[in-house]
Amino acid sequence: MYDVILVGLGGMGSPTAYELAARGKRVLGLEQHAPGHDRGSSHGGSRLIRQAYFEDPAYVPLVRRAYELWRRLEAETNRDLMTLCGGLMLGHRGSEVLEGSLRSAREHDLPCEVLEAGEVRRRFPALAPDPGTVALYEAVSGFIDPAAAMDAQRDLAAGLGAELRFGEPVVSWEAADSGEGVRVETPEAVYEAERLVIASGAWAPALLAEMGLPLEPERRVICWFEPAGGPGPFLPGNFPVFIWEPEDGNTFTCFPIAPGERGVKTVFFRAGGVPCDPDTLDRHVRGEEISFAREYLAAYVPALAGRCLATDVCMYTNTPDEHF
């Protein structure tokens, strides 16, 4: 009998396994794929981290605590996981990204700067905002290395006694009739625990089908573009992470060139999302999808409007109100 069975050992499940094990819980982690797989939502070289959340000021205390925990994890593992290169939240006055970020910064007294378009161009010459664009600049924004982070969290969890099993999908689960305890079935065995945590990302709708939760996985395309003139202006320290909301609402984000990568990562997270089934996800990236990204880069980051070096597909599990 375990204290907790945890389903999923990705971006949410890995830290959960670590934190539960650190609290002395007997943890069984079940993951259907191999460590470091690229089938879900947590692979790749970077994930954005920021404090001035445009989505809602309620996230700010959570993310402030997250910064503390990331630094603690780095210290415990002697690994560099977080790169704070500065970040811009760009849009016209009245846009969700700009106004929401400003609201969070004001309500929580976050150290930020408001930059008009000319100042954005002066400080970040790779960017080409139109005259009506305004940006919030946050020096503590940056990106996490998700693969290294998950490895670190799982290593610590295992070192604290957590049992982590990979290549073992969950077939079904049920709560005990008494309401105390759960049974989880896999092709290998039936396990019992006092509590169950489901952190299965895009597979959560299937595992939680009886609850009727309105979770919808969406297919997202990621592109890495080669900077014209060389990588220098797009390295951390010269190029910020950013979230940019054009007037048409097709919000996209770019990252500096992360260690081990050659190009600048670009992804649209408020445009082009297509509902998907994680087991039949279309992982082929089409030419028109690359052209869609290139069209926006030509307007806003002209040096990136050239050769696409690589593409990938991941999933983003959403809710009707777009909150986590």
C-alpha atoms as a PDB file:
ATOM      1  CA  MET A   1       0.000   0.000   0.000  1.00  0.00           C
ATOM      2  CA  TYR A   2       1.361   3.385  -1.060  1.00  0.00           C
ATOM      3  CA  ASP A   3       0.469   6.742   0.401  1.00  0.00           C
ATOM      4  CA  VAL A   4       0.122   8.246  -3.082  1.00  0.00           C
ATOM      5  CA  ILE A   5      -0.011   6.895  -6.610  1.00  0.00           C
ATOM      6  CA  LEU A   6       0.972   9.523  -9.147  1.00  0.00           C
ATOM      7  CA  VAL A   7      -0.063   9.087 -12.783  1.00  0.00           C
ATOM      8  CA  GLY A   8       2.249  10.968 -15.141  1.00  0.00           C
ATOM      9  CA  LEU A   9       5.890  11.944 -14.639  1.00  0.00           C
ATOM     10  CA  GLY A  10       6.170  14.936 -16.944  1.00  0.00           C
ATOM     11  CA  GLY A  11       6.300  18.645 -16.229  1.00  0.00           C
ATOM     12  CA  MET A  12       3.667  18.441 -13.475  1.00  0.00           C
ATOM     13  CA  GLY A  13       4.185  14.912 -12.216  1.00  0.00           C
ATOM     14  CA  SER A  14       7.963  15.077 -11.747  1.00  0.00           C
ATOM     15  CA  PRO A  15       7.903  17.954  -9.228  1.00  0.00           C
ATOM     16  CA  THR A  16       4.888  16.380  -7.533  1.00  0.00           C
ATOM     17  CA  ALA A  17       6.822  13.143  -7.042  1.00  0.00           C
ATOM     18  CA  TYR A  18       9.732  15.060  -5.554  1.00  0.00           C
ATOM     19  CA  GLU A  19       7.642  17.195  -3.210  1.00  0.00           C
ATOM     20  CA  LEU A  20       5.607  14.233  -1.952  1.00  0.00           C
ATOM     21  CA  ALA A  21       8.721  12.131  -1.372  1.00  0.00           C
ATOM     22  CA  ALA A  22      10.350  15.057   0.437  1.00  0.00           C
ATOM     23  CA  ARG A  23       7.357  15.060   2.792  1.00  0.00           C
ATOM     24  CA  GLY A  24       7.998  11.443   3.665  1.00  0.00           C
ATOM     25  CA  LYS A  25       5.190   9.942   1.590  1.00  0.00           C
ATOM     26  CA  ARG A  26       5.413   6.483   0.048  1.00  0.00           C
ATOM     27  CA  VAL A  27       5.082   7.390  -3.636  1.00  0.00           C
ATOM     28  CA  LEU A  28       4.510   5.270  -6.728  1.00  0.00           C
ATOM     29  CA  GLY A  29       4.908   7.195  -9.979  1.00  0.00           C
ATOM     30  CA  LEU A  30       3.532   5.641 -13.171  1.00  0.00           C
ATOM     31  CA  GLU A  31       4.504   6.958 -16.606  1.00  0.00           C
ATOM     32  CA  GLN A  32       3.397   5.375 -19.866  1.00  0.00           C
ATOM     33  CA  HIS A  33       6.417   6.645 -21.828  1.00  0.00           C
ATOM     34  CA  ALA A  34      10.189   6.555 -21.332  1.00  0.00           C
ATOM     35  CA  PRO A  35      12.034   9.315 -19.423  1.00  0.00           C
ATOM     36  CA  GLY A  36      12.669  12.346 -21.613  1.00  0.00           C
ATOM     37  CA  HIS A  37      10.044  11.377 -24.205  1.00  0.00           C
ATOM     38  CA  ASP A  38       8.674  13.847 -26.757  1.00  0.00           C
ATOM     39  CA  ARG A  39       5.081  12.619 -26.849  1.00  0.00           C
ATOM     40  CA  GLY A  40       3.487  15.088 -24.439  1.00  0.00           C
ATOM     41  CA  SER A  41       3.633  18.741 -23.403  1.00  0.00           C
ATOM     42  CA  SER A  42       6.914  19.089 -21.502  1.00  0.00           C
ATOM     43  CA  HIS A  43       9.724  18.283 -23.942  1.00  0.00           C
ATOM     44  CA  GLY A  44      12.041  20.739 -25.663  1.00  0.00           C
ATOM     45  CA  GLY A  45      14.744  23.120 -24.550  1.00  0.00           C
ATOM     46  CA  SER A  46      12.767  25.953 -22.962  1.00  0.00           C
ATOM     47  CA  ARG A  47       9.595  26.982 -21.158  1.00  0.00           C
ATOM     48  CA  LEU A  48       8.846  30.601 -20.307  1.00  0.00           C
ATOM     49  CA  ILE A  49       8.825  31.792 -16.699  1.00  0.00           C
ATOM     50  CA  ARG A  50       7.577  35.226 -15.650  1.00  0.00           C
ATOM     51  CA  GLN A  51       5.952  36.993 -12.727  1.00  0.00           C
ATOM     52  CA  ALA A  52       3.673  39.627 -14.284  1.00  0.00           C
ATOM     53  CA  TYR A  53       1.076  37.116 -15.458  1.00  0.00           C
ATOM     54  CA  PHE A  54      -1.333  38.746 -17.893  1.00  0.00           C
ATOM     55  CA  GLU A  55      -3.832  35.931 -17.311  1.00  0.00           C
ATOM     56  CA  ASP A  56      -4.703  37.023 -13.755  1.00  0.00           C
ATOM     57  CA  PRO A  57      -2.949  38.664 -10.781  1.00  0.00           C
ATOM     58  CA  ALA A  58      -3.935  35.614  -8.703  1.00  0.00           C
ATOM     59  CA  TYR A  59      -1.068  33.686 -10.300  1.00  0.00           C
ATOM     60  CA  VAL A  60       1.611  36.058  -9.022  1.00  0.00           C
ATOM     61  CA  PRO A  61       1.973  34.667  -5.466  1.00  0.00           C
ATOM     62  CA  LEU A  62       2.181  31.167  -6.938  1.00  0.00           C
ATOM     63  CA  VAL A  63       4.896  32.059  -9.412  1.00  0.00           C
ATOM     64  CA  ARG A  64       6.881  34.006  -6.805  1.00  0.00           C
ATOM     65  CA  ARG A  65       6.941  30.848  -4.720  1.00  0.00           C
ATOM     66  CA  ALA A  66       7.899  28.895  -7.843  1.00  0.00           C
ATOM     67  CA  TYR A  67      10.973  31.084  -8.321  1.00  0.00           C
ATOM     68  CA  GLU A  68      12.056  30.235  -4.774  1.00  0.00           C
ATOM     69  CA  LEU A  69      11.571  26.531  -5.425  1.00  0.00           C
ATOM     70  CA  TRP A  70      13.465  26.637  -8.717  1.00  0.00           C
ATOM     71  CA  ARG A  71      16.426  28.248  -6.979  1.00  0.00           C
ATOM     72  CA  ARG A  72      16.231  25.652  -4.231  1.00  0.00           C
ATOM     73  CA  LEU A  73      16.207  22.870  -6.817  1.00  0.00           C
ATOM     74  CA  GLU A  74      19.235  24.345  -8.557  1.00  0.00           C
ATOM     75  CA  ALA A  75      21.100  24.506  -5.253  1.00  0.00           C
ATOM     76  CA  GLU A  76      20.142  20.959  -4.257  1.00  0.00           C
ATOM     77  CA  THR A  77      21.217  19.462  -7.584  1.00  0.00           C
ATOM     78  CA  ASN A  78      24.029  21.839  -8.598  1.00  0.00           C
ATOM     79  CA  ARG A  79      22.352  22.266 -11.991  1.00  0.00           C
ATOM     80  CA  ASP A  80      21.533  25.430 -13.933  1.00  0.00           C
ATOM     81  CA  LEU A  81      17.830  25.155 -14.717  1.00  0.00           C
ATOM     82  CA  MET A  82      16.583  28.746 -14.960  1.00  0.00           C
ATOM     83  CA  THR A  83      17.921  31.451 -17.302  1.00  0.00           C
ATOM     84  CA  LEU A  84      16.662  34.930 -16.420  1.00  0.00           C
ATOM     85  CA  CYS A  85      17.277  36.907 -19.599  1.00  0.00           C
ATOM     86  CA  GLY A  86      14.488  39.474 -19.219  1.00  0.00           C
ATOM     87  CA  GLY A  87      11.087  39.425 -20.862  1.00  0.00           C
ATOM     88  CA  LEU A  88       8.736  41.670 -22.802  1.00  0.00           C
ATOM     89  CA  MET A  89       4.936  41.566 -22.857  1.00  0.00           C
ATOM     90  CA  LEU A  90       3.938  43.497 -25.972  1.00  0.00           C
ATOM     91  CA  GLY A  91       0.699  44.782 -27.425  1.00  0.00           C
ATOM     92  CA  HIS A  92      -1.342  47.861 -28.171  1.00  0.00           C
ATOM     93  CA  ARG A  93      -3.112  49.711 -25.383  1.00  0.00           C
ATOM     94  CA  GLY A  94      -6.161  47.683 -24.437  1.00  0.00           C
ATOM     95  CA  SER A  95      -4.649  44.347 -25.454  1.00  0.00           C
ATOM     96  CA  GLU A  96      -4.996  41.437 -23.050  1.00  0.00           C
ATOM     97  CA  VAL A  97      -1.271  40.687 -22.827  1.00  0.00           C
ATOM     98  CA  LEU A  98      -0.192  44.260 -22.120  1.00  0.00           C
ATOM     99  CA  GLU A  99      -3.035  45.368 -19.854  1.00  0.00           C
ATOM    100  CA  GLY A 100      -3.152  42.098 -17.922  1.00  0.00           C
ATOM    101  CA  SER A 101       0.600  42.209 -17.307  1.00  0.00           C
ATOM    102  CA  LEU A 102       0.385  45.820 -16.149  1.00  0.00           C
ATOM    103  CA  ARG A 103      -2.462  44.938 -13.787  1.00  0.00           C
ATOM    104  CA  SER A 104      -0.492  42.101 -12.185  1.00  0.00           C
ATOM    105  CA  ALA A 105       2.594  44.301 -11.870  1.00  0.00           C
ATOM    106  CA  ARG A 106       0.608  47.079 -10.182  1.00  0.00           C
ATOM    107  CA  GLU A 107      -1.333  44.856  -7.797  1.00  0.00           C
ATOM    108  CA  HIS A 108       1.787  43.022  -6.609  1.00  0.00           C
ATOM    109  CA  ASP A 109       4.287  45.883  -6.869  1.00  0.00           C
ATOM    110  CA  LEU A 110       6.490  43.988  -9.309  1.00  0.00           C
ATOM    111  CA  PRO A 111       9.642  45.746 -10.546  1.00  0.00           C
ATOM    112  CA  CYS A 112       8.875  46.371 -14.221  1.00  0.00           C
ATOM    113  CA  GLU A 113       9.347  49.059 -16.866  1.00  0.00           C
ATOM    114  CA  VAL A 114       6.882  50.329 -19.454  1.00  0.00           C
ATOM    115  CA  LEU A 115       8.545  50.901 -22.827  1.00  0.00           C
ATOM    116  CA  GLU A 116       7.166  52.726 -25.836  1.00  0.00           C
ATOM    117  CA  ALA A 117       7.884  51.301 -29.276  1.00  0.00           C
ATOM    118  CA  GLY A 118      10.940  53.471 -29.899  1.00  0.00           C
ATOM    119  CA  GLU A 119      12.578  52.391 -26.650  1.00  0.00           C
ATOM    120  CA  VAL A 120      11.850  48.743 -27.437  1.00  0.00           C
ATOM    121  CA  ARG A 121      13.615  49.128 -30.788  1.00  0.00           C
ATOM    122  CA  ARG A 122      16.571  50.916 -29.186  1.00  0.00           C
ATOM    123  CA  ARG A 123      17.129  48.323 -26.467  1.00  0.00           C
ATOM    124  CA  PHE A 124      16.269  45.286 -28.564  1.00  0.00           C
ATOM    125  CA  PRO A 125      17.195  46.098 -32.176  1.00  0.00           C
ATOM    126  CA  ALA A 126      16.023  42.712 -33.441  1.00  0.00           C
ATOM    127  CA  LEU A 127      12.410  43.694 -32.703  1.00  0.00           C
ATOM    128  CA  ALA A 128      10.288  45.865 -34.988  1.00  0.00           C
ATOM    129  CA  PRO A 129       7.204  47.051 -33.077  1.00  0.00           C
ATOM    130  CA  ASP A 130       4.871  49.439 -34.850  1.00  0.00           C
ATOM    131  CA  PRO A 131       4.423  52.936 -33.343  1.00  0.00           C
ATOM    132  CA  GLY A 132       1.336  51.926 -31.358  1.00  0.00           C
ATOM    133  CA  THR A 133       2.984  49.023 -29.565  1.00  0.00           C
ATOM    134  CA  VAL A 134       3.763  49.301 -25.847  1.00  0.00           C
ATOM    135  CA  ALA A 135       5.733  46.773 -23.797  1.00  0.00           C
ATOM    136  CA  LEU A 136       6.106  45.814 -20.177  1.00  0.00           C
ATOM    137  CA  TYR A 137       9.702  44.765 -19.496  1.00  0.00           C
ATOM    138  CA  GLU A 138      10.407  42.436 -16.593  1.00  0.00           C
ATOM    139  CA  ALA A 139      14.063  41.716 -15.832  1.00  0.00           C
ATOM    140  CA  VAL A 140      13.327  38.497 -13.923  1.00  0.00           C
ATOM    141  CA  SER A 141      11.506  36.821 -16.814  1.00  0.00           C
ATOM    142  CA  GLY A 142      13.299  34.030 -18.603  1.00  0.00           C
ATOM    143  CA  PHE A 143      13.066  30.344 -19.352  1.00  0.00           C
ATOM    144  CA  ILE A 144      13.371  26.950 -17.706  1.00  0.00           C
ATOM    145  CA  ASP A 145      15.146  23.946 -19.211  1.00  0.00           C
ATOM    146  CA  PRO A 146      12.259  21.466 -18.818  1.00  0.00           C
ATOM    147  CA  ALA A 147      14.182  18.284 -19.625  1.00  0.00           C
ATOM    148  CA  ALA A 148      16.946  19.058 -17.135  1.00  0.00           C
ATOM    149  CA  ALA A 149      14.379  20.147 -14.550  1.00  0.00           C
ATOM    150  CA  MET A 150      12.357  16.941 -14.799  1.00  0.00           C
ATOM    151  CA  ASP A 151      15.515  14.827 -14.621  1.00  0.00           C
ATOM    152  CA  ALA A 152      16.576  16.681 -11.479  1.00  0.00           C
ATOM    153  CA  GLN A 153      13.173  16.330  -9.825  1.00  0.00           C
ATOM    154  CA  ARG A 154      12.888  12.633 -10.611  1.00  0.00           C
ATOM    155  CA  ASP A 155      16.435  11.959  -9.417  1.00  0.00           C
ATOM    156  CA  LEU A 156      15.675  13.633  -6.096  1.00  0.00           C
ATOM    157  CA  ALA A 157      12.343  11.830  -5.769  1.00  0.00           C
ATOM    158  CA  ALA A 158      13.958   8.447  -6.379  1.00  0.00           C
ATOM    159  CA  GLY A 159      16.728   9.285  -3.939  1.00  0.00           C
ATOM    160  CA  LEU A 160      14.080   9.959  -1.305  1.00  0.00           C
ATOM    161  CA  GLY A 161      12.455   6.579  -1.870  1.00  0.00           C
ATOM    162  CA  ALA A 162       9.846   7.224  -4.550  1.00  0.00           C
ATOM    163  CA  GLU A 163       9.257   4.262  -6.860  1.00  0.00           C
ATOM    164  CA  LEU A 164       9.128   5.548 -10.438  1.00  0.00           C
ATOM    165  CA  ARG A 165       7.973   3.140 -13.131  1.00  0.00           C
ATOM    166  CA  PHE A 166       8.250   4.034 -16.827  1.00  0.00           C
ATOM    167  CA  GLY A 167       6.629   2.344 -19.810  1.00  0.00           C
ATOM    168  CA  GLU A 168       3.661   1.392 -17.637  1.00  0.00           C
ATOM    169  CA  PRO A 169       0.391   3.020 -18.741  1.00  0.00           C
ATOM    170  CA  VAL A 170      -2.625   3.181 -16.466  1.00  0.00           C
ATOM    171  CA  VAL A 171      -5.532   1.130 -17.786  1.00  0.00           C
ATOM    172  CA  SER A 172      -8.093   2.163 -15.170  1.00  0.00           C
ATOM    173  CA  TRP A 173      -8.532   3.407 -11.656  1.00  0.00           C
ATOM    174  CA  GLU A 174     -11.307   3.349  -9.081  1.00  0.00           C
ATOM    175  CA  ALA A 175     -11.948   4.714  -5.645  1.00  0.00           C
ATOM    176  CA  ALA A 176     -12.751   2.292  -2.866  1.00  0.00           C
ATOM    177  CA  ASP A 177     -16.436   1.923  -2.027  1.00  0.00           C
ATOM    178  CA  SER A 178     -15.707   3.292   1.417  1.00  0.00           C
ATOM    179  CA  GLY A 179     -14.278   6.460  -0.116  1.00  0.00           C
ATOM    180  CA  GLU A 180     -10.900   5.730   1.447  1.00  0.00           C
ATOM    181  CA  GLY A 181      -8.173   4.579  -0.897  1.00  0.00           C
ATOM    182  CA  VAL A 182      -7.820   3.900  -4.616  1.00  0.00           C
ATOM    183  CA  ARG A 183      -6.958   0.984  -6.887  1.00  0.00           C
ATOM    184  CA  VAL A 184      -4.953   1.589 -10.069  1.00  0.00           C
ATOM    185  CA  GLU A 185      -4.601  -1.028 -12.791  1.00  0.00           C
ATOM    186  CA  THR A 186      -1.772  -1.219 -15.333  1.00  0.00           C
ATOM    187  CA  PRO A 187      -0.816  -4.055 -17.713  1.00  0.00           C
ATOM    188  CA  GLU A 188       1.754  -5.098 -15.098  1.00  0.00           C
ATOM    189  CA  ALA A 189      -0.156  -5.057 -11.816  1.00  0.00           C
ATOM    190  CA  VAL A 190      -2.908  -3.622  -9.647  1.00  0.00           C
ATOM    191  CA  TYR A 191      -1.710  -1.078  -7.100  1.00  0.00           C
ATOM    192  CA  GLU A 192      -3.407   0.419  -4.050  1.00  0.00           C
ATOM    193  CA  ALA A 193      -2.869   3.718  -2.286  1.00  0.00           C
ATOM    194  CA  GLU A 194      -4.549   6.123   0.062  1.00  0.00           C
ATOM    195  CA  ARG A 195      -4.494   8.937  -2.490  1.00  0.00           C
ATOM    196  CA  LEU A 196      -4.295   9.347  -6.264  1.00  0.00           C
ATOM    197  CA  VAL A 197      -2.786  12.259  -8.184  1.00  0.00           C
ATOM    198  CA  ILE A 198      -3.432  12.444 -11.927  1.00  0.00           C
ATOM    199  CA  ALA A 199      -0.858  14.584 -13.728  1.00  0.00           C
ATOM    200  CA  SER A 200      -1.198  13.058 -17.163  1.00  0.00           C
ATOM    201  CA  GLY A 201      -1.522  16.200 -19.264  1.00  0.00           C
ATOM    202  CA  ALA A 202      -3.301  15.576 -22.552  1.00  0.00           C
ATOM    203  CA  TRP A 203      -4.290  12.088 -21.369  1.00  0.00           C
ATOM    204  CA  ALA A 204      -6.178  13.496 -18.365  1.00  0.00           C
ATOM    205  CA  PRO A 205      -9.526  13.818 -20.206  1.00  0.00           C
ATOM    206  CA  ALA A 206      -9.581  10.050 -20.757  1.00  0.00           C
ATOM    207  CA  LEU A 207      -8.508   9.168 -17.221  1.00  0.00           C
ATOM    208  CA  LEU A 208     -10.994  11.649 -15.748  1.00  0.00           C
ATOM    209  CA  ALA A 209     -13.827  10.984 -18.205  1.00  0.00           C
ATOM    210  CA  GLU A 210     -16.379  10.121 -15.512  1.00  0.00           C
ATOM    211  CA  MET A 211     -15.871  13.521 -13.893  1.00  0.00           C
ATOM    212  CA  GLY A 212     -16.858  15.382 -17.030  1.00  0.00           C
ATOM    213  CA  LEU A 213     -14.119  17.976 -16.710  1.00  0.00           C
ATOM    214  CA  PRO A 214     -13.988  20.316 -19.738  1.00  0.00           C
ATOM    215  CA  LEU A 215     -10.348  19.603 -20.627  1.00  0.00           C
ATOM    216  CA  GLU A 216      -9.380  19.877 -24.290  1.00  0.00           C
ATOM    217  CA  PRO A 217      -5.895  19.055 -25.603  1.00  0.00           C
ATOM    218  CA  GLU A 218      -4.816  21.263 -28.491  1.00  0.00           C
ATOM    219  CA  ARG A 219      -2.105  20.632 -31.072  1.00  0.00           C
ATOM    220  CA  ARG A 220       0.627  23.285 -31.131  1.00  0.00           C
ATOM    221  CA  VAL A 221       3.383  23.723 -33.706  1.00  0.00           C
ATOM    222  CA  ILE A 222       6.856  24.914 -32.682  1.00  0.00           C
ATOM    223  CA  CYS A 223       9.395  26.290 -35.157  1.00  0.00           C
ATOM    224  CA  TRP A 224      13.070  27.169 -34.791  1.00  0.00           C
ATOM    225  CA  PHE A 225      14.267  29.846 -37.224  1.00  0.00           C
ATOM    226  CA  GLU A 226      17.818  30.677 -38.237  1.00  0.00           C
ATOM    227  CA  PRO A 227      18.716  34.323 -37.483  1.00  0.00           C
ATOM    228  CA  ALA A 228      19.997  36.301 -40.449  1.00  0.00           C
ATOM    229  CA  GLY A 229      23.416  37.714 -39.608  1.00  0.00           C
ATOM    230  CA  GLY A 230      24.260  35.083 -37.032  1.00  0.00           C
ATOM    231  CA  PRO A 231      23.080  34.070 -33.555  1.00  0.00           C
ATOM    232  CA  GLY A 232      24.739  36.834 -31.494  1.00  0.00           C
ATOM    233  CA  PRO A 233      21.773  39.235 -31.193  1.00  0.00           C
ATOM    234  CA  PHE A 234      19.515  36.326 -30.231  1.00  0.00           C
ATOM    235  CA  LEU A 235      21.525  34.838 -27.383  1.00  0.00           C
ATOM    236  CA  PRO A 236      20.385  35.212 -23.752  1.00  0.00           C
ATOM    237  CA  GLY A 237      21.519  38.610 -22.545  1.00  0.00           C
ATOM    238  CA  ASN A 238      20.901  40.217 -25.928  1.00  0.00           C
ATOM    239  CA  PHE A 239      17.429  38.927 -26.716  1.00  0.00           C
ATOM    240  CA  PRO A 240      14.526  38.629 -24.261  1.00  0.00           C
ATOM    241  CA  VAL A 241      11.766  36.111 -24.077  1.00  0.00           C
ATOM    242  CA  PHE A 242       8.566  37.774 -25.185  1.00  0.00           C
ATOM    243  CA  ILE A 243       4.835  37.352 -25.542  1.00  0.00           C
ATOM    244  CA  TRP A 244       3.504  39.526 -28.350  1.00  0.00           C
ATOM    245  CA  GLU A 245      -0.181  40.128 -29.025  1.00  0.00           C
ATOM    246  CA  PRO A 246      -0.658  41.679 -32.484  1.00  0.00           C
ATOM    247  CA  GLU A 247      -3.850  43.556 -33.205  1.00  0.00           C
ATOM    248  CA  ASP A 248      -5.341  40.462 -34.866  1.00  0.00           C
ATOM    249  CA  GLY A 249      -4.993  38.518 -31.597  1.00  0.00           C
ATOM    250  CA  ASN A 250      -2.637  35.822 -32.921  1.00  0.00           C
ATOM    251  CA  THR A 251      -0.427  35.920 -29.851  1.00  0.00           C
ATOM    252  CA  PHE A 252       3.002  34.342 -30.184  1.00  0.00           C
ATOM    253  CA  THR A 253       6.161  33.978 -28.172  1.00  0.00           C
ATOM    254  CA  CYS A 254       9.886  33.744 -28.931  1.00  0.00           C
ATOM    255  CA  PHE A 255      12.848  32.577 -26.870  1.00  0.00           C
ATOM    256  CA  PRO A 256      16.557  33.325 -27.041  1.00  0.00           C
ATOM    257  CA  ILE A 257      18.684  30.549 -28.472  1.00  0.00           C
ATOM    258  CA  ALA A 258      18.849  27.999 -25.665  1.00  0.00           C
ATOM    259  CA  PRO A 259      21.950  25.882 -24.971  1.00  0.00           C
ATOM    260  CA  GLY A 260      22.167  23.076 -27.501  1.00  0.00           C
ATOM    261  CA  GLU A 261      19.866  24.796 -29.985  1.00  0.00           C
ATOM    262  CA  ARG A 262      20.791  26.657 -33.180  1.00  0.00           C
ATOM    263  CA  GLY A 263      17.651  28.645 -33.853  1.00  0.00           C
ATOM    264  CA  VAL A 264      15.133  30.918 -32.184  1.00  0.00           C
ATOM    265  CA  LYS A 265      12.083  29.066 -30.901  1.00  0.00           C
ATOM    266  CA  THR A 266       8.717  30.474 -31.951  1.00  0.00           C
ATOM    267  CA  VAL A 267       5.277  29.224 -30.977  1.00  0.00           C
ATOM    268  CA  PHE A 268       1.752  30.622 -31.317  1.00  0.00           C
ATOM    269  CA  PHE A 269      -0.291  29.812 -28.240  1.00  0.00           C
ATOM    270  CA  ARG A 270      -3.430  31.826 -28.931  1.00  0.00           C
ATOM    271  CA  ALA A 271      -3.669  30.995 -32.637  1.00  0.00           C
ATOM    272  CA  GLY A 272      -4.079  27.863 -34.675  1.00  0.00           C
ATOM    273  CA  GLY A 273      -4.704  25.474 -31.798  1.00  0.00           C
ATOM    274  CA  VAL A 274      -6.530  22.395 -33.102  1.00  0.00           C
ATOM    275  CA  PRO A 275      -8.307  19.992 -30.712  1.00  0.00           C
ATOM    276  CA  CYS A 276      -6.541  16.646 -30.743  1.00  0.00           C
ATOM    277  CA  ASP A 277      -6.386  13.143 -29.330  1.00  0.00           C
ATOM    278  CA  PRO A 278      -2.955  12.510 -27.797  1.00  0.00           C
ATOM    279  CA  ASP A 279      -2.905   8.936 -29.070  1.00  0.00           C
ATOM    280  CA  THR A 280      -3.508   9.952 -32.699  1.00  0.00           C
ATOM    281  CA  LEU A 281      -1.797  13.356 -32.706  1.00  0.00           C
ATOM    282  CA  ASP A 282      -0.717  14.570 -36.140  1.00  0.00           C
ATOM    283  CA  ARG A 283       3.003  15.186 -35.663  1.00  0.00           C
ATOM    284  CA  HIS A 284       3.685  16.259 -39.250  1.00  0.00           C
ATOM    285  CA  VAL A 285       4.332  20.003 -39.601  1.00  0.00           C
ATOM    286  CA  ARG A 286       3.160  21.364 -42.932  1.00  0.00           C
ATOM    287  CA  GLY A 287       4.730  24.039 -45.057  1.00  0.00           C
ATOM    288  CA  GLU A 288       1.790  26.371 -44.570  1.00  0.00           C
ATOM    289  CA  GLU A 289       2.208  26.151 -40.790  1.00  0.00           C
ATOM    290  CA  ILE A 290       5.827  27.241 -41.108  1.00  0.00           C
ATOM    291  CA  SER A 291       4.805  30.010 -43.519  1.00  0.00           C
ATOM    292  CA  PHE A 292       2.211  31.249 -41.024  1.00  0.00           C
ATOM    293  CA  ALA A 293       4.920  31.737 -38.387  1.00  0.00           C
ATOM    294  CA  ARG A 294       7.356  33.237 -40.889  1.00  0.00           C
ATOM    295  CA  GLU A 295       4.788  35.839 -41.962  1.00  0.00           C
ATOM    296  CA  TYR A 296       4.536  37.220 -38.428  1.00  0.00           C
ATOM    297  CA  LEU A 297       8.270  37.108 -37.866  1.00  0.00           C
ATOM    298  CA  ALA A 298       8.832  39.089 -41.065  1.00  0.00           C
ATOM    299  CA  ALA A 299       6.704  41.866 -39.570  1.00  0.00           C
ATOM    300  CA  TYR A 300       7.887  41.779 -35.956  1.00  0.00           C
ATOM    301  CA  VAL A 301      11.335  40.098 -35.869  1.00  0.00           C
ATOM    302  CA  PRO A 302      12.592  40.503 -39.453  1.00  0.00           C
ATOM    303  CA  ALA A 303      15.911  38.690 -38.993  1.00  0.00           C
ATOM    304  CA  LEU A 304      13.995  35.482 -38.252  1.00  0.00           C
ATOM    305  CA  ALA A 305      11.961  35.442 -41.459  1.00  0.00           C
ATOM    306  CA  GLY A 306      14.358  33.083 -43.229  1.00  0.00           C
ATOM    307  CA  ARG A 307      15.188  29.417 -42.955  1.00  0.00           C
ATOM    308  CA  CYS A 308      13.285  27.192 -40.562  1.00  0.00           C
ATOM    309  CA  LEU A 309      15.836  24.865 -38.974  1.00  0.00           C
ATOM    310  CA  ALA A 310      13.519  22.510 -37.123  1.00  0.00           C
ATOM    311  CA  THR A 311       9.908  21.938 -36.144  1.00  0.00           C
ATOM    312  CA  ASP A 312       8.079  20.016 -33.479  1.00  0.00           C
ATOM    313  CA  VAL A 313       4.560  19.382 -32.272  1.00  0.00           C
ATOM    314  CA  CYS A 314       3.353  19.370 -28.698  1.00  0.00           C
ATOM    315  CA  MET A 315       0.031  19.583 -26.896  1.00  0.00           C
ATOM    316  CA  TYR A 316      -1.528  22.239 -24.695  1.00  0.00           C
ATOM    317  CA  THR A 317      -4.429  21.087 -22.534  1.00  0.00           C
ATOM    318  CA  ASN A 318      -6.907  23.919 -22.173  1.00  0.00           C
ATOM    319  CA  THR A 319     -10.078  24.795 -20.298  1.00  0.00           C
ATOM    320  CA  PRO A 320     -13.018  26.939 -21.481  1.00  0.00           C
ATOM    321  CA  ASP A 321     -11.813  29.993 -19.533  1.00  0.00           C
ATOM    322  CA  GLU A 322      -8.170  29.326 -20.575  1.00  0.00           C
ATOM    323  CA  HIS A 323      -7.022  29.164 -16.959  1.00  0.00           C
ATOM    324  CA  PHE A 324      -4.899  26.329 -15.626  1.00  0.00           C
END
